[in-house]
Amino acid sequence: MTLPRPPGAGHPVLLVLLAVVSVQFGGALAATLLPVVGVVGSVGLRLVLAALILGVVVRPRLRGRTTMDWAVVGSFAVALTAMNLAFYGSLARLPIGVAVTIEFLGPLALAAALSRRWRDGVAVVAALVGVVLISEALTTPWGELDHLGILLAATAGACWAAYIVLSRRTGERFAGLDGIAICMALGAVVMLPAGLLTAGADLWSTDVLLRGLGIALLSSAIPYSLELLALRRLRSGTFGVLLSLEPAAAALAGLLVLGQVLSVPQLAGMVLVVTASIVVLGRPVRRRRSPQVAGEVS
């Protein structure tokens, strides 16, 4: 089955921007679900519904896969699942704009390490200063900082970096969206029992299922499809610049959906991180980016 071509498919920049906004509003919607079914229940519900959607649309080929194919996609599933657990855990303790900004250090540091340019190293240092500002480490007593929330967001960032590496390797072995569809299914198989155990009967309420469906669509099915269409025609440097808007989109989603208002120092820190990301991720690369490499899956 061919993915539908949405209106505006001829404008890849618009498609990526829509994907960025979709992911972050999906994250904000997930934050409203966490108090009801918890972190594990929310991640399990999202993965199960996203796996069902992608399974129906993509219908990935399972036969004829090698042992190495399964090892790669299995590692990809571990990185994706761990990233979602850590990120949702941070959402339960931090504003979404703060969580996403800290998480963004993962792919930023990975890109800077691979580039080996001194300017990228300076940009990462600037981003670290931005994270200090956005976490309010300069204005909040050490004992009052949510250390666990910051640690979870940073862990999600490390998992995001691993996700990018494994996504590229999966894309080399699986055509189109086959890899991410299988990855989602593997994560769903692992998380469904744990989600049922922790969330209980609340997981089956109509409100929870509808929110879960919205999260699966906004955070997975829609952005993956949009990015796949866009990356066929978009330069990797341009894609990196657009991806750098993730923290700002998260702050907007947090404000509109959750009523979370960031302070002036936090906004200044976000500007530093976004600017550093544009410097590092916006540079053209010679190696063609695989369509499997999605932007944000949190």
C-alpha atoms as a PDB file:
ATOM      1  CA  MET A   1       0.000   0.000   0.000  1.00  0.00           C
ATOM      2  CA  THR A   2       1.360   3.395  -0.986  1.00  0.00           C
ATOM      3  CA  LEU A   3       1.411   6.150   1.599  1.00  0.00           C
ATOM      4  CA  PRO A   4      -1.149   8.848   0.783  1.00  0.00           C
ATOM      5  CA  ARG A   5       0.195  12.042  -0.713  1.00  0.00           C
ATOM      6  CA  PRO A   6      -1.154  14.882   1.433  1.00  0.00           C
ATOM      7  CA  PRO A   7      -1.964  18.378   0.175  1.00  0.00           C
ATOM      8  CA  GLY A   8       1.216  20.428  -0.016  1.00  0.00           C
ATOM      9  CA  ALA A   9       3.341  17.351  -0.722  1.00  0.00           C
ATOM     10  CA  GLY A  10       5.221  19.456  -3.280  1.00  0.00           C
ATOM     11  CA  HIS A  11       6.638  21.639  -0.472  1.00  0.00           C
ATOM     12  CA  PRO A  12       9.072  19.479   1.544  1.00  0.00           C
ATOM     13  CA  VAL A  13       9.916  22.322   3.956  1.00  0.00           C
ATOM     14  CA  LEU A  14       6.245  22.629   4.894  1.00  0.00           C
ATOM     15  CA  LEU A  15       6.015  18.865   5.358  1.00  0.00           C
ATOM     16  CA  VAL A  16       8.932  18.821   7.804  1.00  0.00           C
ATOM     17  CA  LEU A  17       7.529  21.788   9.723  1.00  0.00           C
ATOM     18  CA  LEU A  18       4.195  19.978   9.990  1.00  0.00           C
ATOM     19  CA  ALA A  19       6.028  16.862  11.202  1.00  0.00           C
ATOM     20  CA  VAL A  20       7.900  18.875  13.860  1.00  0.00           C
ATOM     21  CA  VAL A  21       4.676  20.468  15.125  1.00  0.00           C
ATOM     22  CA  SER A  22       2.863  17.116  15.027  1.00  0.00           C
ATOM     23  CA  VAL A  23       5.512  15.388  17.140  1.00  0.00           C
ATOM     24  CA  GLN A  24       5.563  18.059  19.825  1.00  0.00           C
ATOM     25  CA  PHE A  25       1.804  18.354  20.118  1.00  0.00           C
ATOM     26  CA  GLY A  26       1.752  14.568  20.374  1.00  0.00           C
ATOM     27  CA  GLY A  27       4.191  14.894  23.267  1.00  0.00           C
ATOM     28  CA  ALA A  28       2.000  17.505  24.943  1.00  0.00           C
ATOM     29  CA  LEU A  29      -1.004  15.211  24.557  1.00  0.00           C
ATOM     30  CA  ALA A  30       1.045  12.392  26.095  1.00  0.00           C
ATOM     31  CA  ALA A  31       1.722  14.596  29.122  1.00  0.00           C
ATOM     32  CA  THR A  32      -2.036  14.712  29.784  1.00  0.00           C
ATOM     33  CA  LEU A  33      -2.178  10.908  29.724  1.00  0.00           C
ATOM     34  CA  LEU A  34       0.684  10.276  32.147  1.00  0.00           C
ATOM     35  CA  PRO A  35      -1.295  11.053  35.339  1.00  0.00           C
ATOM     36  CA  VAL A  36      -3.983   8.569  34.252  1.00  0.00           C
ATOM     37  CA  VAL A  37      -2.072   5.458  33.158  1.00  0.00           C
ATOM     38  CA  GLY A  38       1.528   6.285  34.080  1.00  0.00           C
ATOM     39  CA  VAL A  39       4.715   6.293  32.032  1.00  0.00           C
ATOM     40  CA  VAL A  40       4.775   2.580  31.176  1.00  0.00           C
ATOM     41  CA  GLY A  41       1.077   2.489  30.326  1.00  0.00           C
ATOM     42  CA  SER A  42       1.379   5.566  28.094  1.00  0.00           C
ATOM     43  CA  VAL A  43       4.413   4.234  26.227  1.00  0.00           C
ATOM     44  CA  GLY A  44       2.785   0.817  25.831  1.00  0.00           C
ATOM     45  CA  LEU A  45      -0.436   2.309  24.477  1.00  0.00           C
ATOM     46  CA  ARG A  46       1.397   4.555  22.037  1.00  0.00           C
ATOM     47  CA  LEU A  47       3.596   1.765  20.692  1.00  0.00           C
ATOM     48  CA  VAL A  48       0.724  -0.700  20.326  1.00  0.00           C
ATOM     49  CA  LEU A  49      -1.539   1.724  18.463  1.00  0.00           C
ATOM     50  CA  ALA A  50       1.313   3.095  16.331  1.00  0.00           C
ATOM     51  CA  ALA A  51       2.385  -0.464  15.479  1.00  0.00           C
ATOM     52  CA  LEU A  52      -1.157  -1.338  14.416  1.00  0.00           C
ATOM     53  CA  ILE A  53      -1.437   1.773  12.234  1.00  0.00           C
ATOM     54  CA  LEU A  54       1.954   1.310  10.581  1.00  0.00           C
ATOM     55  CA  GLY A  55       1.382  -2.428  10.221  1.00  0.00           C
ATOM     56  CA  VAL A  56      -1.835  -1.849   8.267  1.00  0.00           C
ATOM     57  CA  VAL A  57      -0.445   0.985   6.134  1.00  0.00           C
ATOM     58  CA  VAL A  58       3.061  -0.322   5.499  1.00  0.00           C
ATOM     59  CA  ARG A  59       2.539  -4.105   5.657  1.00  0.00           C
ATOM     60  CA  PRO A  60       6.264  -4.759   6.194  1.00  0.00           C
ATOM     61  CA  ARG A  61       7.865  -7.838   4.697  1.00  0.00           C
ATOM     62  CA  LEU A  62       8.932 -10.299   7.407  1.00  0.00           C
ATOM     63  CA  ARG A  63      10.065 -13.299   5.395  1.00  0.00           C
ATOM     64  CA  GLY A  64      13.569 -13.628   4.041  1.00  0.00           C
ATOM     65  CA  ARG A  65      15.196 -11.532   6.757  1.00  0.00           C
ATOM     66  CA  THR A  66      18.667 -12.514   7.942  1.00  0.00           C
ATOM     67  CA  THR A  67      19.781 -12.929  11.530  1.00  0.00           C
ATOM     68  CA  MET A  68      21.719  -9.661  11.230  1.00  0.00           C
ATOM     69  CA  ASP A  69      18.595  -7.896   9.938  1.00  0.00           C
ATOM     70  CA  TRP A  70      16.703  -8.923  13.061  1.00  0.00           C
ATOM     71  CA  ALA A  71      19.633  -8.014  15.306  1.00  0.00           C
ATOM     72  CA  VAL A  72      19.780  -4.506  13.851  1.00  0.00           C
ATOM     73  CA  VAL A  73      16.031  -3.852  13.968  1.00  0.00           C
ATOM     74  CA  GLY A  74      15.886  -5.398  17.444  1.00  0.00           C
ATOM     75  CA  SER A  75      18.553  -2.967  18.670  1.00  0.00           C
ATOM     76  CA  PHE A  76      16.635  -0.185  16.976  1.00  0.00           C
ATOM     77  CA  ALA A  77      13.511  -1.223  18.912  1.00  0.00           C
ATOM     78  CA  VAL A  78      15.432  -1.208  22.204  1.00  0.00           C
ATOM     79  CA  ALA A  79      16.714   2.328  21.544  1.00  0.00           C
ATOM     80  CA  LEU A  80      13.255   3.561  20.521  1.00  0.00           C
ATOM     81  CA  THR A  81      11.481   2.005  23.505  1.00  0.00           C
ATOM     82  CA  ALA A  82      14.081   3.196  26.014  1.00  0.00           C
ATOM     83  CA  MET A  83      13.958   6.691  24.511  1.00  0.00           C
ATOM     84  CA  ASN A  84      10.194   6.855  24.900  1.00  0.00           C
ATOM     85  CA  LEU A  85      10.270   5.552  28.474  1.00  0.00           C
ATOM     86  CA  ALA A  86      12.933   8.065  29.509  1.00  0.00           C
ATOM     87  CA  PHE A  87      11.274  10.954  27.681  1.00  0.00           C
ATOM     88  CA  TYR A  88       7.803  10.257  29.066  1.00  0.00           C
ATOM     89  CA  GLY A  89       9.368   9.905  32.502  1.00  0.00           C
ATOM     90  CA  SER A  90      10.889  13.366  32.099  1.00  0.00           C
ATOM     91  CA  LEU A  91       7.529  14.770  30.933  1.00  0.00           C
ATOM     92  CA  ALA A  92       6.020  13.679  34.237  1.00  0.00           C
ATOM     93  CA  ARG A  93       8.541  15.899  36.073  1.00  0.00           C
ATOM     94  CA  LEU A  94       9.501  18.756  33.700  1.00  0.00           C
ATOM     95  CA  PRO A  95       7.742  21.161  31.316  1.00  0.00           C
ATOM     96  CA  ILE A  96       7.790  19.702  27.811  1.00  0.00           C
ATOM     97  CA  GLY A  97       9.871  22.606  26.446  1.00  0.00           C
ATOM     98  CA  VAL A  98      12.549  21.948  29.059  1.00  0.00           C
ATOM     99  CA  ALA A  99      12.487  18.171  28.519  1.00  0.00           C
ATOM    100  CA  VAL A 100      12.791  18.406  24.733  1.00  0.00           C
ATOM    101  CA  THR A 101      15.578  20.999  24.909  1.00  0.00           C
ATOM    102  CA  ILE A 102      17.659  18.817  27.227  1.00  0.00           C
ATOM    103  CA  GLU A 103      16.872  15.738  25.133  1.00  0.00           C
ATOM    104  CA  PHE A 104      18.016  17.566  22.010  1.00  0.00           C
ATOM    105  CA  LEU A 105      21.598  17.520  23.289  1.00  0.00           C
ATOM    106  CA  GLY A 106      21.764  13.859  22.217  1.00  0.00           C
ATOM    107  CA  PRO A 107      21.539  14.268  18.429  1.00  0.00           C
ATOM    108  CA  LEU A 108      23.355  17.617  18.662  1.00  0.00           C
ATOM    109  CA  ALA A 109      26.371  16.051  20.391  1.00  0.00           C
ATOM    110  CA  LEU A 110      26.328  13.119  17.964  1.00  0.00           C
ATOM    111  CA  ALA A 111      26.364  15.413  14.922  1.00  0.00           C
ATOM    112  CA  ALA A 112      29.152  17.536  16.410  1.00  0.00           C
ATOM    113  CA  ALA A 113      31.250  14.464  17.227  1.00  0.00           C
ATOM    114  CA  LEU A 114      30.898  13.154  13.683  1.00  0.00           C
ATOM    115  CA  SER A 115      31.765  16.519  12.093  1.00  0.00           C
ATOM    116  CA  ARG A 116      34.993  17.146  14.043  1.00  0.00           C
ATOM    117  CA  ARG A 117      34.762  20.893  13.298  1.00  0.00           C
ATOM    118  CA  TRP A 118      35.859  23.234  16.080  1.00  0.00           C
ATOM    119  CA  ARG A 119      32.863  25.478  15.374  1.00  0.00           C
ATOM    120  CA  ASP A 120      30.504  22.595  16.122  1.00  0.00           C
ATOM    121  CA  GLY A 121      32.316  21.946  19.392  1.00  0.00           C
ATOM    122  CA  VAL A 122      31.799  25.574  20.394  1.00  0.00           C
ATOM    123  CA  ALA A 123      28.130  25.260  19.444  1.00  0.00           C
ATOM    124  CA  VAL A 124      27.726  22.252  21.748  1.00  0.00           C
ATOM    125  CA  VAL A 125      29.281  24.223  24.621  1.00  0.00           C
ATOM    126  CA  ALA A 126      26.794  27.036  23.918  1.00  0.00           C
ATOM    127  CA  ALA A 127      23.999  24.471  23.948  1.00  0.00           C
ATOM    128  CA  LEU A 128      25.179  23.191  27.327  1.00  0.00           C
ATOM    129  CA  VAL A 129      24.995  26.743  28.670  1.00  0.00           C
ATOM    130  CA  GLY A 130      21.496  26.935  27.236  1.00  0.00           C
ATOM    131  CA  VAL A 131      20.502  23.738  29.032  1.00  0.00           C
ATOM    132  CA  VAL A 132      21.844  25.152  32.322  1.00  0.00           C
ATOM    133  CA  LEU A 133      19.638  28.200  31.776  1.00  0.00           C
ATOM    134  CA  ILE A 134      16.552  26.248  30.767  1.00  0.00           C
ATOM    135  CA  SER A 135      16.871  23.859  33.700  1.00  0.00           C
ATOM    136  CA  GLU A 136      17.139  26.941  35.947  1.00  0.00           C
ATOM    137  CA  ALA A 137      20.282  25.529  37.564  1.00  0.00           C
ATOM    138  CA  LEU A 138      21.605  29.081  38.100  1.00  0.00           C
ATOM    139  CA  THR A 139      18.527  30.434  39.853  1.00  0.00           C
ATOM    140  CA  THR A 140      17.220  27.380  41.714  1.00  0.00           C
ATOM    141  CA  PRO A 141      18.909  25.923  44.809  1.00  0.00           C
ATOM    142  CA  TRP A 142      20.619  22.614  44.052  1.00  0.00           C
ATOM    143  CA  GLY A 143      18.337  20.695  46.397  1.00  0.00           C
ATOM    144  CA  GLU A 144      15.206  22.000  44.665  1.00  0.00           C
ATOM    145  CA  LEU A 145      16.195  21.016  41.126  1.00  0.00           C
ATOM    146  CA  ASP A 146      14.365  18.039  39.677  1.00  0.00           C
ATOM    147  CA  HIS A 147      17.511  16.020  39.175  1.00  0.00           C
ATOM    148  CA  LEU A 148      15.652  12.878  38.173  1.00  0.00           C
ATOM    149  CA  GLY A 149      13.669  14.730  35.512  1.00  0.00           C
ATOM    150  CA  ILE A 150      16.856  16.263  34.080  1.00  0.00           C
ATOM    151  CA  LEU A 151      18.597  12.868  34.155  1.00  0.00           C
ATOM    152  CA  LEU A 152      15.664  11.206  32.379  1.00  0.00           C
ATOM    153  CA  ALA A 153      15.621  13.887  29.663  1.00  0.00           C
ATOM    154  CA  ALA A 154      19.386  13.509  29.188  1.00  0.00           C
ATOM    155  CA  THR A 155      18.971   9.723  29.015  1.00  0.00           C
ATOM    156  CA  ALA A 156      16.302  10.185  26.374  1.00  0.00           C
ATOM    157  CA  GLY A 157      18.790  12.324  24.442  1.00  0.00           C
ATOM    158  CA  ALA A 158      21.442   9.597  24.593  1.00  0.00           C
ATOM    159  CA  CYS A 159      18.864   7.069  23.392  1.00  0.00           C
ATOM    160  CA  TRP A 160      17.877   9.488  20.616  1.00  0.00           C
ATOM    161  CA  ALA A 161      21.506   9.585  19.429  1.00  0.00           C
ATOM    162  CA  ALA A 162      21.563   5.762  19.434  1.00  0.00           C
ATOM    163  CA  TYR A 163      18.219   5.787  17.608  1.00  0.00           C
ATOM    164  CA  ILE A 164      19.696   7.943  14.821  1.00  0.00           C
ATOM    165  CA  VAL A 165      22.666   5.618  14.329  1.00  0.00           C
ATOM    166  CA  LEU A 166      20.517   2.477  14.403  1.00  0.00           C
ATOM    167  CA  SER A 167      17.874   4.116  12.230  1.00  0.00           C
ATOM    168  CA  ARG A 168      20.425   4.614   9.483  1.00  0.00           C
ATOM    169  CA  ARG A 169      21.587   1.013   9.763  1.00  0.00           C
ATOM    170  CA  THR A 170      17.998  -0.220   9.732  1.00  0.00           C
ATOM    171  CA  GLY A 171      17.261   1.925   6.688  1.00  0.00           C
ATOM    172  CA  GLU A 172      20.130   0.230   4.861  1.00  0.00           C
ATOM    173  CA  ARG A 173      18.513  -3.179   5.426  1.00  0.00           C
ATOM    174  CA  PHE A 174      14.786  -2.430   5.244  1.00  0.00           C
ATOM    175  CA  ALA A 175      13.027  -0.598   2.432  1.00  0.00           C
ATOM    176  CA  GLY A 176      10.753   2.398   3.056  1.00  0.00           C
ATOM    177  CA  LEU A 177       9.017   2.292   6.431  1.00  0.00           C
ATOM    178  CA  ASP A 178       9.413  -1.479   6.896  1.00  0.00           C
ATOM    179  CA  GLY A 179      12.114  -1.000   9.524  1.00  0.00           C
ATOM    180  CA  ILE A 180      10.217   1.446  11.718  1.00  0.00           C
ATOM    181  CA  ALA A 181       7.009  -0.597  11.397  1.00  0.00           C
ATOM    182  CA  ILE A 182       8.785  -3.758  12.593  1.00  0.00           C
ATOM    183  CA  CYS A 183      10.603  -1.768  15.281  1.00  0.00           C
ATOM    184  CA  MET A 184       7.299  -0.432  16.612  1.00  0.00           C
ATOM    185  CA  ALA A 185       5.802  -3.927  16.616  1.00  0.00           C
ATOM    186  CA  LEU A 186       8.728  -5.331  18.604  1.00  0.00           C
ATOM    187  CA  GLY A 187       8.477  -2.510  21.137  1.00  0.00           C
ATOM    188  CA  ALA A 188       4.713  -3.022  21.404  1.00  0.00           C
ATOM    189  CA  VAL A 189       5.117  -6.743  22.140  1.00  0.00           C
ATOM    190  CA  VAL A 190       7.451  -5.940  25.036  1.00  0.00           C
ATOM    191  CA  MET A 191       5.547  -2.955  26.426  1.00  0.00           C
ATOM    192  CA  LEU A 192       1.953  -4.218  26.188  1.00  0.00           C
ATOM    193  CA  PRO A 193       2.173  -6.674  29.118  1.00  0.00           C
ATOM    194  CA  ALA A 194       3.990  -4.125  31.277  1.00  0.00           C
ATOM    195  CA  GLY A 195       1.449  -1.448  30.350  1.00  0.00           C
ATOM    196  CA  LEU A 196      -1.489  -3.702  31.212  1.00  0.00           C
ATOM    197  CA  LEU A 197       0.122  -4.596  34.523  1.00  0.00           C
ATOM    198  CA  THR A 198       0.790  -1.011  35.610  1.00  0.00           C
ATOM    199  CA  ALA A 199      -2.204   0.823  34.134  1.00  0.00           C
ATOM    200  CA  GLY A 200      -4.875  -1.780  34.841  1.00  0.00           C
ATOM    201  CA  ALA A 201      -8.459  -1.217  33.764  1.00  0.00           C
ATOM    202  CA  ASP A 202      -7.869   2.509  33.131  1.00  0.00           C
ATOM    203  CA  LEU A 203      -6.052   1.566  29.943  1.00  0.00           C
ATOM    204  CA  TRP A 204      -9.316   0.464  28.334  1.00  0.00           C
ATOM    205  CA  SER A 205     -11.406   3.560  28.999  1.00  0.00           C
ATOM    206  CA  THR A 206     -12.678   5.364  25.901  1.00  0.00           C
ATOM    207  CA  ASP A 207     -10.959   8.618  26.864  1.00  0.00           C
ATOM    208  CA  VAL A 208      -7.586   6.924  27.341  1.00  0.00           C
ATOM    209  CA  LEU A 209      -7.852   4.985  24.080  1.00  0.00           C
ATOM    210  CA  LEU A 210      -8.770   8.123  22.136  1.00  0.00           C
ATOM    211  CA  ARG A 211      -5.868  10.046  23.634  1.00  0.00           C
ATOM    212  CA  GLY A 212      -3.580   7.114  22.897  1.00  0.00           C
ATOM    213  CA  LEU A 213      -4.759   7.051  19.301  1.00  0.00           C
ATOM    214  CA  GLY A 214      -4.093  10.791  19.003  1.00  0.00           C
ATOM    215  CA  ILE A 215      -0.582  10.310  20.408  1.00  0.00           C
ATOM    216  CA  ALA A 216       0.126   7.404  18.044  1.00  0.00           C
ATOM    217  CA  LEU A 217      -0.987   9.485  15.067  1.00  0.00           C
ATOM    218  CA  LEU A 218       0.667  12.769  16.067  1.00  0.00           C
ATOM    219  CA  SER A 219       3.926  11.299  17.383  1.00  0.00           C
ATOM    220  CA  SER A 220       4.443   8.402  14.978  1.00  0.00           C
ATOM    221  CA  ALA A 221       2.277   7.725  11.930  1.00  0.00           C
ATOM    222  CA  ILE A 222       1.831  11.299  10.666  1.00  0.00           C
ATOM    223  CA  PRO A 223       5.402  12.647  11.148  1.00  0.00           C
ATOM    224  CA  TYR A 224       7.044   9.477   9.778  1.00  0.00           C
ATOM    225  CA  SER A 225       4.923   9.679   6.629  1.00  0.00           C
ATOM    226  CA  LEU A 226       5.524  13.423   6.181  1.00  0.00           C
ATOM    227  CA  GLU A 227       9.275  13.107   6.690  1.00  0.00           C
ATOM    228  CA  LEU A 228       9.499  10.181   4.291  1.00  0.00           C
ATOM    229  CA  LEU A 229       7.886  12.310   1.579  1.00  0.00           C
ATOM    230  CA  ALA A 230       9.987  15.373   2.398  1.00  0.00           C
ATOM    231  CA  LEU A 231      13.377  13.673   2.643  1.00  0.00           C
ATOM    232  CA  ARG A 232      13.113  12.433  -0.916  1.00  0.00           C
ATOM    233  CA  ARG A 233      13.507  16.041  -2.118  1.00  0.00           C
ATOM    234  CA  LEU A 234      15.083  17.932   0.791  1.00  0.00           C
ATOM    235  CA  ARG A 235      18.779  18.531   1.399  1.00  0.00           C
ATOM    236  CA  SER A 236      20.042  17.133   4.693  1.00  0.00           C
ATOM    237  CA  GLY A 237      21.313  20.556   5.787  1.00  0.00           C
ATOM    238  CA  THR A 238      17.891  22.094   5.321  1.00  0.00           C
ATOM    239  CA  PHE A 239      16.319  19.193   7.162  1.00  0.00           C
ATOM    240  CA  GLY A 240      18.733  19.748  10.054  1.00  0.00           C
ATOM    241  CA  VAL A 241      17.789  23.434  10.324  1.00  0.00           C
ATOM    242  CA  LEU A 242      14.100  22.542  10.417  1.00  0.00           C
ATOM    243  CA  LEU A 243      14.711  19.790  12.944  1.00  0.00           C
ATOM    244  CA  SER A 244      16.427  22.375  15.165  1.00  0.00           C
ATOM    245  CA  LEU A 245      13.047  23.997  15.746  1.00  0.00           C
ATOM    246  CA  GLU A 246      11.916  21.022  17.867  1.00  0.00           C
ATOM    247  CA  PRO A 247      12.551  22.744  21.257  1.00  0.00           C
ATOM    248  CA  ALA A 248      10.652  25.877  20.181  1.00  0.00           C
ATOM    249  CA  ALA A 249       7.749  23.763  18.895  1.00  0.00           C
ATOM    250  CA  ALA A 250       7.731  21.888  22.205  1.00  0.00           C
ATOM    251  CA  ALA A 251       7.538  25.149  24.163  1.00  0.00           C
ATOM    252  CA  LEU A 252       4.620  26.278  21.992  1.00  0.00           C
ATOM    253  CA  ALA A 253       2.813  22.967  22.471  1.00  0.00           C
ATOM    254  CA  GLY A 254       3.409  23.139  26.218  1.00  0.00           C
ATOM    255  CA  LEU A 255       1.934  26.637  26.342  1.00  0.00           C
ATOM    256  CA  LEU A 256      -1.149  25.936  24.209  1.00  0.00           C
ATOM    257  CA  VAL A 257      -1.999  22.427  25.438  1.00  0.00           C
ATOM    258  CA  LEU A 258      -0.648  22.329  28.986  1.00  0.00           C
ATOM    259  CA  GLY A 259      -0.523  26.014  29.971  1.00  0.00           C
ATOM    260  CA  GLN A 260       3.221  25.739  30.707  1.00  0.00           C
ATOM    261  CA  VAL A 261       4.921  29.147  30.616  1.00  0.00           C
ATOM    262  CA  LEU A 262       8.710  29.316  30.463  1.00  0.00           C
ATOM    263  CA  SER A 263      10.670  32.053  32.203  1.00  0.00           C
ATOM    264  CA  VAL A 264      12.875  34.570  30.385  1.00  0.00           C
ATOM    265  CA  PRO A 265      16.120  32.702  31.308  1.00  0.00           C
ATOM    266  CA  GLN A 266      14.562  29.460  30.080  1.00  0.00           C
ATOM    267  CA  LEU A 267      13.571  31.065  26.784  1.00  0.00           C
ATOM    268  CA  ALA A 268      17.103  32.483  26.440  1.00  0.00           C
ATOM    269  CA  GLY A 269      18.505  29.011  27.045  1.00  0.00           C
ATOM    270  CA  MET A 270      16.205  27.594  24.399  1.00  0.00           C
ATOM    271  CA  VAL A 271      17.405  30.201  21.893  1.00  0.00           C
ATOM    272  CA  LEU A 272      21.000  29.142  22.594  1.00  0.00           C
ATOM    273  CA  VAL A 273      20.172  25.463  22.019  1.00  0.00           C
ATOM    274  CA  VAL A 274      18.209  26.157  18.835  1.00  0.00           C
ATOM    275  CA  THR A 275      20.991  28.377  17.477  1.00  0.00           C
ATOM    276  CA  ALA A 276      23.636  25.772  18.282  1.00  0.00           C
ATOM    277  CA  SER A 277      21.509  23.118  16.618  1.00  0.00           C
ATOM    278  CA  ILE A 278      21.177  25.182  13.447  1.00  0.00           C
ATOM    279  CA  VAL A 279      24.963  25.631  13.337  1.00  0.00           C
ATOM    280  CA  VAL A 280      25.652  21.907  13.772  1.00  0.00           C
ATOM    281  CA  LEU A 281      22.703  20.212  12.086  1.00  0.00           C
ATOM    282  CA  GLY A 282      22.291  22.745   9.316  1.00  0.00           C
ATOM    283  CA  ARG A 283      25.590  22.010   7.612  1.00  0.00           C
ATOM    284  CA  PRO A 284      25.388  20.030   4.356  1.00  0.00           C
ATOM    285  CA  VAL A 285      26.710  16.467   4.492  1.00  0.00           C
ATOM    286  CA  ARG A 286      28.020  14.396   1.634  1.00  0.00           C
ATOM    287  CA  ARG A 287      26.420  11.184   2.770  1.00  0.00           C
ATOM    288  CA  ARG A 288      22.810  10.896   1.717  1.00  0.00           C
ATOM    289  CA  ARG A 289      20.439  10.713   4.634  1.00  0.00           C
ATOM    290  CA  SER A 290      18.308   7.571   4.679  1.00  0.00           C
ATOM    291  CA  PRO A 291      14.538   8.142   4.639  1.00  0.00           C
ATOM    292  CA  GLN A 292      14.468   5.755   7.595  1.00  0.00           C
ATOM    293  CA  VAL A 293      16.099   8.423   9.747  1.00  0.00           C
ATOM    294  CA  ALA A 294      13.127  10.221  11.232  1.00  0.00           C
ATOM    295  CA  GLY A 295      13.397  13.442  13.158  1.00  0.00           C
ATOM    296  CA  GLU A 296      11.812  13.187  16.610  1.00  0.00           C
ATOM    297  CA  VAL A 297      10.002  10.119  17.859  1.00  0.00           C
ATOM    298  CA  SER A 298       9.484  11.121  21.411  1.00  0.00           C
END
